[in-house]
N, C-alpha and C. Protein backbone atom coordinates (compact mmCIF):
# COMPACT_ATOMS: atom_id res chain seq x y z
N MET A 1 73.37 10.43 -82.65
CA MET A 1 74.57 10.59 -82.40
C MET A 1 75.02 9.31 -81.73
N ALA A 2 73.86 9.16 -80.63
CA ALA A 2 74.40 8.48 -80.03
C ALA A 2 75.15 7.13 -80.47
N TYR A 3 74.74 6.52 -81.96
CA TYR A 3 74.80 5.32 -82.78
C TYR A 3 76.41 5.67 -82.57
N PHE A 4 76.43 6.31 -82.70
CA PHE A 4 78.01 6.25 -83.66
C PHE A 4 79.08 6.35 -82.53
N LEU A 5 78.49 6.26 -81.63
CA LEU A 5 79.64 6.76 -79.86
C LEU A 5 79.22 5.10 -79.12
N VAL A 6 77.89 4.40 -79.46
CA VAL A 6 78.05 3.28 -79.14
C VAL A 6 78.37 1.78 -80.17
N ALA A 7 78.68 2.18 -81.60
CA ALA A 7 79.09 1.13 -82.58
C ALA A 7 80.50 1.27 -82.35
N CYS A 8 81.37 0.58 -82.33
CA CYS A 8 82.40 -0.14 -82.52
C CYS A 8 83.40 -0.06 -83.70
N PRO A 9 84.06 0.07 -84.23
CA PRO A 9 84.82 -0.02 -85.53
C PRO A 9 84.61 -1.93 -85.70
N TYR A 10 84.39 -1.69 -86.76
CA TYR A 10 84.55 -3.78 -87.72
C TYR A 10 83.43 -3.97 -86.78
N ALA A 11 82.36 -3.46 -85.48
CA ALA A 11 81.17 -4.31 -85.20
C ALA A 11 79.79 -3.17 -85.10
N GLU A 12 79.88 -2.78 -86.26
CA GLU A 12 78.57 -1.73 -86.63
C GLU A 12 77.85 -2.87 -86.59
N TYR A 13 77.39 -4.24 -86.83
CA TYR A 13 75.96 -4.53 -86.88
C TYR A 13 76.06 -5.50 -85.82
N GLN A 14 76.31 -5.64 -85.11
CA GLN A 14 76.08 -6.27 -84.20
C GLN A 14 74.82 -6.23 -83.29
N PRO A 15 74.33 -6.87 -82.72
CA PRO A 15 72.60 -6.66 -82.48
C PRO A 15 72.76 -5.45 -81.29
N LYS A 16 73.14 -5.51 -80.12
CA LYS A 16 73.20 -4.63 -79.43
C LYS A 16 72.87 -3.01 -79.66
N THR A 17 73.54 -2.77 -81.19
CA THR A 17 73.64 -1.65 -81.84
C THR A 17 72.12 -1.39 -82.48
N TYR A 18 71.61 -1.72 -82.20
CA TYR A 18 69.79 -2.10 -83.42
C TYR A 18 68.92 -1.14 -82.74
N PRO A 19 68.89 -1.43 -81.71
CA PRO A 19 67.84 -0.17 -81.20
C PRO A 19 68.01 1.06 -81.07
N LEU A 20 69.62 1.76 -81.37
CA LEU A 20 70.23 3.28 -81.48
C LEU A 20 70.23 3.51 -82.92
N LEU A 21 70.52 2.41 -83.85
CA LEU A 21 70.62 2.29 -85.26
C LEU A 21 68.99 2.73 -85.37
N ILE A 22 67.93 2.12 -85.17
CA ILE A 22 66.42 2.29 -85.24
C ILE A 22 65.90 3.53 -84.90
N LEU A 23 65.82 4.31 -83.95
CA LEU A 23 65.61 5.27 -83.69
C LEU A 23 66.69 6.26 -84.45
N PHE A 24 67.70 6.35 -84.90
CA PHE A 24 68.75 7.64 -86.03
C PHE A 24 67.79 7.05 -86.99
N LEU A 25 67.35 6.12 -87.72
CA LEU A 25 66.65 6.44 -88.75
C LEU A 25 65.13 6.43 -89.07
N LEU A 26 64.61 6.39 -87.36
CA LEU A 26 63.38 7.13 -87.39
C LEU A 26 63.81 8.99 -87.07
N GLY A 27 64.59 8.99 -86.80
CA GLY A 27 64.40 10.31 -86.36
C GLY A 27 64.98 11.48 -88.02
N VAL A 28 65.97 10.53 -88.69
CA VAL A 28 65.82 10.78 -90.61
C VAL A 28 64.62 10.82 -91.08
N VAL A 29 63.99 10.04 -90.81
CA VAL A 29 62.57 9.58 -91.35
C VAL A 29 61.72 10.84 -91.01
N GLY A 30 61.63 11.43 -89.69
CA GLY A 30 60.85 12.29 -89.37
C GLY A 30 61.30 13.15 -89.52
N ALA A 31 62.82 13.92 -89.20
CA ALA A 31 63.50 14.84 -89.73
C ALA A 31 62.71 15.42 -91.52
N THR A 32 62.54 14.15 -92.33
CA THR A 32 62.66 15.16 -93.74
C THR A 32 61.32 14.66 -94.02
N GLN A 33 60.22 14.08 -93.02
CA GLN A 33 58.95 14.14 -93.65
C GLN A 33 58.71 15.64 -93.30
N ALA A 34 59.31 16.55 -92.21
CA ALA A 34 58.45 17.31 -91.38
C ALA A 34 58.60 18.56 -92.62
N MET A 35 59.74 17.99 -93.63
CA MET A 35 60.27 19.32 -94.70
C MET A 35 58.87 19.39 -95.37
N TRP A 36 57.77 19.11 -95.33
CA TRP A 36 57.06 19.31 -96.02
C TRP A 36 56.66 20.84 -97.13
N ALA A 37 57.24 21.69 -96.33
CA ALA A 37 57.34 23.14 -96.52
C ALA A 37 57.89 23.17 -97.51
N ILE A 38 59.42 22.89 -97.72
CA ILE A 38 60.22 23.44 -98.57
C ILE A 38 59.87 22.40 -99.89
N ASN A 39 59.43 23.36 -101.10
CA ASN A 39 58.90 22.80 -102.28
C ASN A 39 60.02 23.07 -103.39
N SER A 40 61.21 22.95 -103.32
CA SER A 40 61.99 23.48 -104.34
C SER A 40 62.28 22.87 -105.72
N ASP A 41 62.65 23.23 -106.95
CA ASP A 41 62.91 22.46 -108.08
C ASP A 41 64.53 21.68 -107.65
N ALA A 42 64.94 22.44 -106.79
CA ALA A 42 66.34 22.09 -106.82
C ALA A 42 66.37 20.89 -105.41
N LEU A 43 65.70 21.23 -104.50
CA LEU A 43 65.59 19.98 -104.17
C LEU A 43 64.65 18.71 -104.25
N THR A 44 63.97 19.00 -105.40
CA THR A 44 62.91 17.53 -106.02
C THR A 44 64.24 17.19 -106.64
N GLY A 45 65.07 17.85 -107.54
CA GLY A 45 66.12 17.23 -108.12
C GLY A 45 67.16 16.07 -107.79
N ALA A 46 67.19 17.07 -106.03
CA ALA A 46 68.48 16.21 -105.85
C ALA A 46 67.72 15.00 -105.25
N VAL A 47 66.71 14.89 -104.52
CA VAL A 47 65.98 13.73 -104.10
C VAL A 47 65.95 13.18 -105.19
N GLY A 48 64.94 13.51 -106.66
CA GLY A 48 65.36 12.57 -107.76
C GLY A 48 66.60 12.01 -108.13
N LEU A 49 67.50 12.83 -107.97
CA LEU A 49 69.19 12.35 -108.80
C LEU A 49 69.57 10.86 -107.46
N PHE A 50 69.36 10.84 -106.06
CA PHE A 50 69.92 9.93 -105.18
C PHE A 50 68.86 9.32 -105.20
N SER A 51 67.70 9.32 -105.22
CA SER A 51 67.04 7.94 -105.22
C SER A 51 67.23 7.34 -106.86
N GLY A 52 67.55 8.02 -107.78
CA GLY A 52 68.04 7.19 -109.06
C GLY A 52 68.84 5.98 -108.95
N TYR A 53 69.59 6.37 -107.95
CA TYR A 53 70.63 5.28 -107.77
C TYR A 53 70.79 4.59 -106.62
N SER A 54 69.98 4.53 -105.51
CA SER A 54 70.04 4.24 -104.03
C SER A 54 69.93 2.72 -103.88
N PHE A 55 69.34 2.16 -105.31
CA PHE A 55 69.49 0.27 -105.09
C PHE A 55 70.78 -0.22 -105.63
N THR A 56 71.40 0.67 -106.84
CA THR A 56 73.20 0.02 -107.12
C THR A 56 74.04 0.75 -105.80
N LEU A 57 73.86 1.63 -105.35
CA LEU A 57 74.50 2.35 -104.38
C LEU A 57 74.20 0.90 -102.96
N TYR A 58 73.17 0.39 -102.58
CA TYR A 58 73.13 -1.03 -102.03
C TYR A 58 74.01 -1.80 -102.51
N LEU A 59 73.49 -2.14 -103.69
CA LEU A 59 74.71 -3.26 -104.13
C LEU A 59 75.58 -3.53 -103.57
N ILE A 60 76.68 -1.91 -104.08
CA ILE A 60 78.06 -2.28 -104.23
C ILE A 60 78.23 -1.47 -102.81
N HIS A 61 77.83 -0.58 -101.87
CA HIS A 61 78.84 0.04 -100.72
C HIS A 61 79.54 -1.04 -100.16
N HIS A 62 78.89 -2.04 -99.78
CA HIS A 62 79.94 -2.92 -98.94
C HIS A 62 81.06 -3.46 -99.61
N THR A 63 81.04 -3.44 -101.16
CA THR A 63 82.18 -4.16 -102.06
C THR A 63 83.24 -3.30 -101.61
N ILE A 64 83.20 -1.91 -101.55
CA ILE A 64 83.79 -1.12 -102.07
C ILE A 64 84.35 -0.33 -100.73
N MET A 65 83.77 -0.86 -99.30
CA MET A 65 83.61 -0.11 -97.97
C MET A 65 84.71 -1.12 -97.56
N TYR A 66 84.16 -2.50 -97.62
CA TYR A 66 85.14 -3.83 -97.01
C TYR A 66 86.37 -3.72 -97.03
N PRO A 67 86.86 -4.03 -98.34
CA PRO A 67 88.23 -4.23 -99.16
C PRO A 67 89.35 -2.70 -98.63
N ALA A 68 88.55 -1.93 -98.13
CA ALA A 68 89.05 -0.25 -97.63
C ALA A 68 89.94 -0.56 -96.50
N PHE A 69 88.50 -1.07 -95.43
CA PHE A 69 89.18 -0.77 -94.47
C PHE A 69 89.66 -2.33 -94.38
N LEU A 70 89.81 -3.22 -94.81
CA LEU A 70 90.92 -4.63 -94.20
C LEU A 70 92.17 -3.96 -94.90
N LEU A 71 92.35 -2.83 -95.85
CA LEU A 71 93.58 -2.33 -96.40
C LEU A 71 94.00 -1.79 -94.75
N TRP A 72 93.20 -0.82 -94.84
CA TRP A 72 93.71 0.51 -93.92
C TRP A 72 92.68 0.99 -92.40
N LYS A 73 93.17 -0.55 -91.87
CA LYS A 73 91.73 -0.71 -90.84
C LYS A 73 91.92 0.54 -90.02
N ASP A 74 93.43 1.25 -89.39
CA ASP A 74 93.44 2.11 -88.69
C ASP A 74 92.80 3.81 -88.86
N GLY A 75 92.58 3.60 -90.66
CA GLY A 75 91.87 4.63 -91.39
C GLY A 75 90.95 5.84 -90.74
N GLY A 76 90.02 5.28 -90.02
CA GLY A 76 88.72 6.03 -89.23
C GLY A 76 88.33 6.15 -90.29
N TRP A 77 87.86 8.35 -89.99
CA TRP A 77 86.97 9.14 -90.82
C TRP A 77 87.02 8.95 -92.29
N LEU A 78 88.30 9.21 -92.14
CA LEU A 78 89.39 9.67 -93.49
C LEU A 78 88.76 8.26 -94.63
N VAL A 79 89.27 7.25 -94.12
CA VAL A 79 89.14 6.06 -94.95
C VAL A 79 87.29 6.34 -95.14
N PHE A 80 86.85 5.80 -94.40
CA PHE A 80 85.34 5.88 -94.01
C PHE A 80 84.63 7.31 -95.36
N GLY A 81 85.08 8.40 -95.29
CA GLY A 81 84.75 9.37 -95.64
C GLY A 81 85.21 8.83 -97.77
N CYS A 82 86.14 8.78 -97.69
CA CYS A 82 86.40 8.69 -99.13
C CYS A 82 85.26 7.22 -99.79
N THR A 83 85.74 6.51 -98.53
CA THR A 83 85.14 5.48 -100.00
C THR A 83 83.21 5.86 -99.64
N ILE A 84 82.96 6.26 -98.85
CA ILE A 84 81.20 7.09 -98.97
C ILE A 84 81.87 7.51 -100.82
N ILE A 85 82.11 8.74 -100.96
CA ILE A 85 82.50 9.24 -102.05
C ILE A 85 82.48 7.86 -103.40
N LEU A 86 83.45 7.51 -103.00
CA LEU A 86 84.10 6.63 -103.69
C LEU A 86 82.73 5.47 -104.74
N ALA A 87 81.83 5.38 -103.58
CA ALA A 87 80.69 4.25 -103.43
C ALA A 87 79.59 5.00 -104.49
N ASN A 88 79.24 6.49 -103.83
CA ASN A 88 78.50 6.92 -105.09
C ASN A 88 79.65 7.69 -106.01
N VAL A 89 80.11 7.35 -106.22
CA VAL A 89 80.21 7.85 -107.84
C VAL A 89 80.18 6.75 -108.49
N VAL A 90 80.94 5.68 -108.04
CA VAL A 90 80.87 4.63 -108.37
C VAL A 90 79.03 3.79 -109.21
N ALA A 91 78.20 3.94 -108.25
CA ALA A 91 77.17 3.14 -108.15
C ALA A 91 76.23 4.43 -108.88
N ALA A 92 76.42 5.87 -108.66
CA ALA A 92 75.77 7.08 -109.67
C ALA A 92 76.01 6.36 -111.13
N THR A 93 77.60 6.21 -111.50
CA THR A 93 77.81 5.90 -113.01
C THR A 93 77.27 4.53 -113.26
N LEU A 94 77.35 3.39 -112.56
CA LEU A 94 76.86 2.04 -113.13
C LEU A 94 74.96 2.24 -113.15
N ALA A 95 74.54 3.17 -112.23
CA ALA A 95 72.57 3.48 -112.60
C ALA A 95 72.48 4.18 -113.75
N VAL A 96 73.48 5.25 -114.03
CA VAL A 96 73.36 5.91 -115.70
C VAL A 96 72.91 5.19 -116.75
N PHE A 97 73.74 3.56 -116.77
CA PHE A 97 72.97 2.68 -117.89
C PHE A 97 72.35 1.27 -117.54
N THR A 98 71.96 1.56 -116.09
CA THR A 98 71.19 0.27 -115.55
C THR A 98 69.63 0.95 -114.94
N GLU A 99 69.73 1.07 -113.57
CA GLU A 99 69.02 1.63 -112.60
C GLU A 99 67.78 2.75 -112.98
N MET A 100 68.71 3.79 -113.91
CA MET A 100 67.71 5.04 -114.26
C MET A 100 66.78 4.75 -115.08
N ARG A 101 67.46 3.72 -115.97
CA ARG A 101 66.57 3.01 -117.31
C ARG A 101 65.28 2.25 -117.28
N HIS A 102 64.84 2.28 -115.66
CA HIS A 102 63.35 1.39 -115.98
C HIS A 102 62.86 2.29 -116.45
N LYS A 103 62.08 3.11 -116.75
CA LYS A 103 61.07 3.33 -117.61
C LYS A 103 61.20 2.69 -118.64
N GLN A 104 62.51 2.54 -119.01
CA GLN A 104 62.75 2.54 -121.06
C GLN A 104 62.74 0.61 -121.26
N LEU A 105 63.13 -0.02 -119.97
CA LEU A 105 63.01 -1.15 -120.21
C LEU A 105 61.41 -1.64 -119.68
N ALA A 106 60.54 -0.60 -119.26
CA ALA A 106 58.93 -1.02 -119.04
C ALA A 106 58.06 -1.25 -120.31
N LYS A 107 58.70 0.21 -120.99
CA LYS A 107 58.55 0.14 -122.24
C LYS A 107 58.81 -0.69 -123.12
N HIS A 108 59.88 -0.98 -123.57
CA HIS A 108 60.36 -2.05 -124.36
C HIS A 108 59.48 -3.37 -123.71
N LEU A 109 59.36 -4.35 -122.40
CA LEU A 109 58.57 -5.24 -122.17
C LEU A 109 57.44 -5.13 -122.14
N LEU A 110 56.73 -4.14 -122.62
CA LEU A 110 55.28 -3.94 -122.80
C LEU A 110 55.14 -4.26 -124.35
N ALA A 111 56.37 -3.33 -125.18
CA ALA A 111 55.99 -3.53 -126.19
C ALA A 111 56.14 -4.96 -127.11
N ALA A 112 57.12 -5.68 -125.89
CA ALA A 112 57.28 -7.23 -126.22
C ALA A 112 56.26 -7.71 -126.13
N ARG A 113 55.40 -7.67 -125.14
CA ARG A 113 54.05 -8.24 -124.56
C ARG A 113 52.70 -8.21 -125.97
N ALA A 114 53.13 -6.85 -126.15
CA ALA A 114 52.39 -6.42 -127.19
C ALA A 114 52.35 -7.11 -128.41
N VAL A 115 53.25 -7.58 -129.01
CA VAL A 115 53.51 -8.24 -130.21
C VAL A 115 53.21 -9.47 -130.11
N PHE A 116 53.82 -10.27 -129.15
CA PHE A 116 53.33 -11.47 -128.64
C PHE A 116 52.22 -12.13 -128.64
N SER A 117 51.33 -11.25 -127.52
CA SER A 117 50.49 -11.41 -127.56
C SER A 117 49.17 -10.99 -128.20
N GLY A 118 49.47 -10.06 -129.45
CA GLY A 118 48.68 -9.53 -129.71
C GLY A 118 47.27 -8.27 -129.35
N ASP A 119 47.53 -8.15 -128.31
CA ASP A 119 46.97 -7.55 -127.20
C ASP A 119 47.41 -5.81 -127.52
N ALA A 120 45.97 -4.94 -128.12
CA ALA A 120 46.22 -4.11 -128.64
C ALA A 120 46.38 -2.81 -127.28
N THR A 121 45.96 -3.48 -125.97
CA THR A 121 45.85 -2.34 -124.71
C THR A 121 46.94 -2.25 -124.39
N ALA A 122 47.78 -3.60 -124.62
CA ALA A 122 49.04 -3.70 -123.96
C ALA A 122 50.08 -2.77 -125.34
N THR A 123 49.47 -2.16 -125.92
CA THR A 123 50.14 -1.21 -127.12
C THR A 123 50.11 -0.13 -126.52
N LYS A 124 49.07 0.29 -126.28
CA LYS A 124 48.44 1.76 -125.57
C LYS A 124 49.58 1.91 -124.26
N ARG A 125 49.60 0.90 -123.26
CA ARG A 125 49.84 0.39 -121.43
C ARG A 125 52.11 1.30 -122.54
N ALA A 126 52.30 0.71 -123.50
CA ALA A 126 53.73 0.65 -123.45
C ALA A 126 54.35 2.27 -124.30
N ASP A 127 53.08 2.64 -124.81
CA ASP A 127 53.01 4.25 -125.44
C ASP A 127 52.89 4.99 -124.38
N TRP A 128 52.51 4.71 -123.39
CA TRP A 128 52.43 5.37 -122.06
C TRP A 128 53.13 5.61 -121.25
N ALA A 129 54.02 4.37 -121.40
CA ALA A 129 54.95 4.32 -119.99
C ALA A 129 55.85 4.86 -120.24
C-alpha cells in the first residue's frame, strides 16, 4: 500500500519507487506461495486462465493505458480501472488465437522437423506434445 502512496501520477517508473515496488511484489509472491493448502479445481482453473494470456497482457497493457491517460489526464482510479479491464479483455481475446495455442505450435514444429529430418524419434515427440 505504501507504494501507491509514494508513486505520483505519471511518475510511476521513477527509480525512487523501485524499493517499495520490489517489496510489494515480494509480498504478493510470499502471500501466493503461502496458499499451498488451497487446492481447488476452480483456483487451478483461474490461475491457468490468467497465466494463459499473461505475456500478451504484458505486451498490450501499456499500449492501451498510455493513450487513455493522455486523453483523460485527471481520470484517476476510474480511468485506471477501466483500462485494466479493457487490457485484460483485449489480451485474453488475442491470446485465445495466439499465446494459448503454444502446444499446437510445438506439435506442428516437431512434426515438420520429423518430416524434414527423417527422424523417427521426432515424430514420437510430436505425438506426445
